[in-house]
Amino acid sequence: MALGWKLVIDSANAPALADFWAAALDYEVEDPSALIERLLAAGHVGEEAVAEHRGRKIFRGYAAIRHPEDPYDEISGVGHGRRLLFQDVPEGKAGKNRLHVDIHGEPGGLEKLVTRLEGLGATRVREVDHGPAGHWWVLLDPEGNEFCAT
């Protein structure tokens, strides 16, 4: 039996980083506003736990994205499949990532993919050429996290 999972990524600005990765991966930003409205109305959370981003209520310091074809809970907006959760942390990034995302483009479309990612806020770091194994680009997301485009 496959286990459920989500990848949690520390961030300085969770909503902005979620927007970047949603656009980069063609995922959807989760919308927890209906759940938040219910929690606020019931007194289970206070206004200090809530922020607004792009006209939606979000939990302060958190944002998530999900694959558009995966199931999700319509009340909470939480995905039940491929999902990334971004959470704000007080400390900044201190070194090289030990885990990173690889984004695979169409065959022969690496330059187009990298250019699109740069348009979203990524920065090219270096091109890697492994001969017959292929080549790819190492990039940084807007917060300096490494990832690869292949």
Protein backbone atom coordinates (compact mmCIF):
# COMPACT_ATOMS: atom_id res chain seq x y z
CA MET A 1 0.00 0.00 0.00
CA ALA A 2 1.37 3.42 -0.97
CA LEU A 3 1.62 5.91 1.87
CA GLY A 4 0.27 9.43 1.74
CA TRP A 5 2.83 12.21 1.83
CA LYS A 6 3.43 15.91 1.41
CA LEU A 7 6.73 17.70 1.03
CA VAL A 8 7.13 20.52 3.57
CA ILE A 9 9.43 23.39 2.56
CA ASP A 10 10.65 26.01 5.03
CA SER A 11 10.29 29.55 3.73
CA ALA A 12 10.48 33.23 4.53
CA ASN A 13 7.28 34.07 2.62
CA ALA A 14 5.10 30.97 2.25
CA PRO A 15 2.35 32.49 0.07
CA ALA A 16 4.79 34.00 -2.43
CA LEU A 17 6.84 30.81 -2.64
CA ALA A 18 3.66 28.76 -3.10
CA ASP A 19 2.65 31.06 -5.97
CA PHE A 20 6.05 30.52 -7.64
CA TRP A 21 5.96 26.74 -7.31
CA ALA A 22 2.31 26.48 -8.36
CA ALA A 23 3.14 28.35 -11.56
CA ALA A 24 6.39 26.40 -12.09
CA LEU A 25 4.70 23.00 -11.70
CA ASP A 26 1.25 23.89 -13.09
CA TYR A 27 -0.22 23.06 -9.67
CA GLU A 28 -3.05 24.84 -7.87
CA VAL A 29 -2.67 26.95 -4.75
CA GLU A 30 -4.93 25.51 -2.07
CA ASP A 31 -7.74 27.76 -0.86
CA PRO A 32 -8.41 27.24 2.88
CA SER A 33 -10.67 30.31 3.14
CA ALA A 34 -13.92 28.36 3.71
CA LEU A 35 -12.30 26.39 6.54
CA ILE A 36 -10.82 29.55 8.04
CA GLU A 37 -14.21 31.30 7.98
CA ARG A 38 -15.73 28.37 9.86
CA LEU A 39 -12.92 28.29 12.43
CA LEU A 40 -13.14 32.04 12.98
CA ALA A 41 -16.93 31.94 13.36
CA ALA A 42 -16.69 29.10 15.90
CA GLY A 43 -13.95 30.91 17.84
CA HIS A 44 -11.42 28.10 17.26
CA VAL A 45 -8.85 30.51 15.80
CA GLY A 46 -8.34 34.23 16.24
CA GLU A 47 -7.71 36.88 13.61
CA GLU A 48 -3.99 36.82 14.52
CA ALA A 49 -3.74 33.33 12.96
CA VAL A 50 -5.10 34.57 9.65
CA ALA A 51 -3.67 36.64 6.81
CA GLU A 52 -4.91 37.56 3.37
CA HIS A 53 -3.16 36.74 0.12
CA ARG A 54 -4.53 37.46 -3.35
CA GLY A 55 -7.99 38.12 -1.93
CA ARG A 56 -8.18 34.85 0.03
CA LYS A 57 -7.91 34.14 3.74
CA ILE A 58 -4.93 31.93 4.56
CA PHE A 59 -3.35 30.62 7.73
CA ARG A 60 -0.59 33.10 8.59
CA GLY A 61 2.81 31.69 7.60
CA TYR A 62 1.46 28.73 5.61
CA ALA A 63 0.48 28.02 2.03
CA ALA A 64 0.14 24.81 0.06
CA ILE A 65 -0.15 23.70 -3.54
CA ARG A 66 -1.59 20.52 -5.02
CA HIS A 67 -1.69 18.67 -8.30
CA PRO A 68 -4.81 19.80 -10.19
CA GLU A 69 -5.92 16.23 -10.98
CA ASP A 70 -5.67 14.90 -7.43
CA PRO A 71 -8.67 14.78 -5.08
CA TYR A 72 -9.05 17.40 -2.38
CA ASP A 73 -11.35 18.26 0.49
CA GLU A 74 -13.76 20.95 -0.74
CA ILE A 75 -14.21 22.47 2.73
CA SER A 76 -10.56 22.75 3.77
CA GLY A 77 -9.04 22.98 0.29
CA VAL A 78 -6.42 20.43 1.39
CA GLY A 79 -5.22 18.08 -1.32
CA HIS A 80 -5.19 14.32 -0.83
CA GLY A 81 -2.41 13.61 -3.32
CA ARG A 82 0.74 15.24 -4.62
CA ARG A 83 1.17 18.29 -2.42
CA LEU A 84 3.77 20.83 -1.26
CA LEU A 85 3.31 22.77 1.98
CA PHE A 86 5.31 25.95 2.58
CA GLN A 87 5.79 27.11 6.16
CA ASP A 88 7.49 30.26 7.35
CA VAL A 89 10.40 29.75 9.73
CA PRO A 90 12.42 32.43 11.55
CA GLU A 91 15.85 31.29 10.40
CA GLY A 92 17.12 31.80 6.85
CA LYS A 93 18.45 29.19 4.49
CA ALA A 94 21.90 28.17 5.74
CA GLY A 95 23.36 25.89 3.05
CA LYS A 96 22.78 23.67 0.08
CA ASN A 97 19.45 21.85 -0.10
CA ARG A 98 19.63 18.16 0.81
CA LEU A 99 16.45 17.58 -1.21
CA HIS A 100 15.31 19.35 -4.35
CA VAL A 101 12.69 19.28 -7.08
CA ASP A 102 13.49 18.34 -10.69
CA ILE A 103 11.17 19.84 -13.30
CA HIS A 104 11.05 17.85 -16.53
CA GLY A 105 10.16 19.70 -19.71
CA GLU A 106 9.19 18.37 -23.13
CA PRO A 107 11.93 16.70 -25.19
CA GLY A 108 14.02 19.42 -26.82
CA GLY A 109 12.29 22.13 -24.77
CA LEU A 110 14.85 22.76 -22.02
CA GLU A 111 15.65 26.34 -23.04
CA LYS A 112 11.94 27.21 -23.29
CA LEU A 113 11.33 25.68 -19.84
CA VAL A 114 14.23 27.53 -18.21
CA THR A 115 13.18 30.81 -19.80
CA ARG A 116 9.62 30.32 -18.46
CA LEU A 117 10.96 29.57 -14.97
CA GLU A 118 13.15 32.68 -15.07
CA GLY A 119 10.06 34.69 -16.00
CA LEU A 120 8.43 33.40 -12.81
CA GLY A 121 11.39 34.51 -10.66
CA ALA A 122 13.94 31.67 -10.88
CA THR A 123 17.65 32.35 -11.37
CA ARG A 124 20.00 30.24 -13.49
CA VAL A 125 23.05 29.01 -11.60
CA ARG A 126 24.84 26.61 -13.92
CA GLU A 127 24.37 24.19 -16.77
CA VAL A 128 25.30 20.56 -16.12
CA ASP A 129 26.32 18.33 -19.03
CA HIS A 130 26.64 14.62 -18.41
CA GLY A 131 27.18 13.57 -22.03
CA PRO A 132 24.92 10.64 -22.91
CA ALA A 133 23.04 11.03 -19.60
CA GLY A 134 21.86 14.43 -20.81
CA HIS A 135 22.13 17.96 -19.54
CA TRP A 136 20.08 20.20 -17.30
CA TRP A 137 20.14 23.54 -15.55
CA VAL A 138 20.52 24.15 -11.82
CA LEU A 139 18.34 27.09 -10.82
CA LEU A 140 17.31 28.91 -7.64
CA ASP A 141 13.71 29.67 -6.68
CA PRO A 142 12.93 33.19 -5.39
CA GLU A 143 14.15 32.24 -1.87
CA GLY A 144 17.41 30.65 -3.05
CA ASN A 145 16.38 26.98 -2.97
CA GLU A 146 18.14 24.91 -5.60
CA PHE A 147 16.19 22.90 -8.16
CA CYS A 148 16.87 21.44 -11.58
CA ALA A 149 15.22 21.81 -14.97
CA THR A 150 15.80 18.89 -17.31
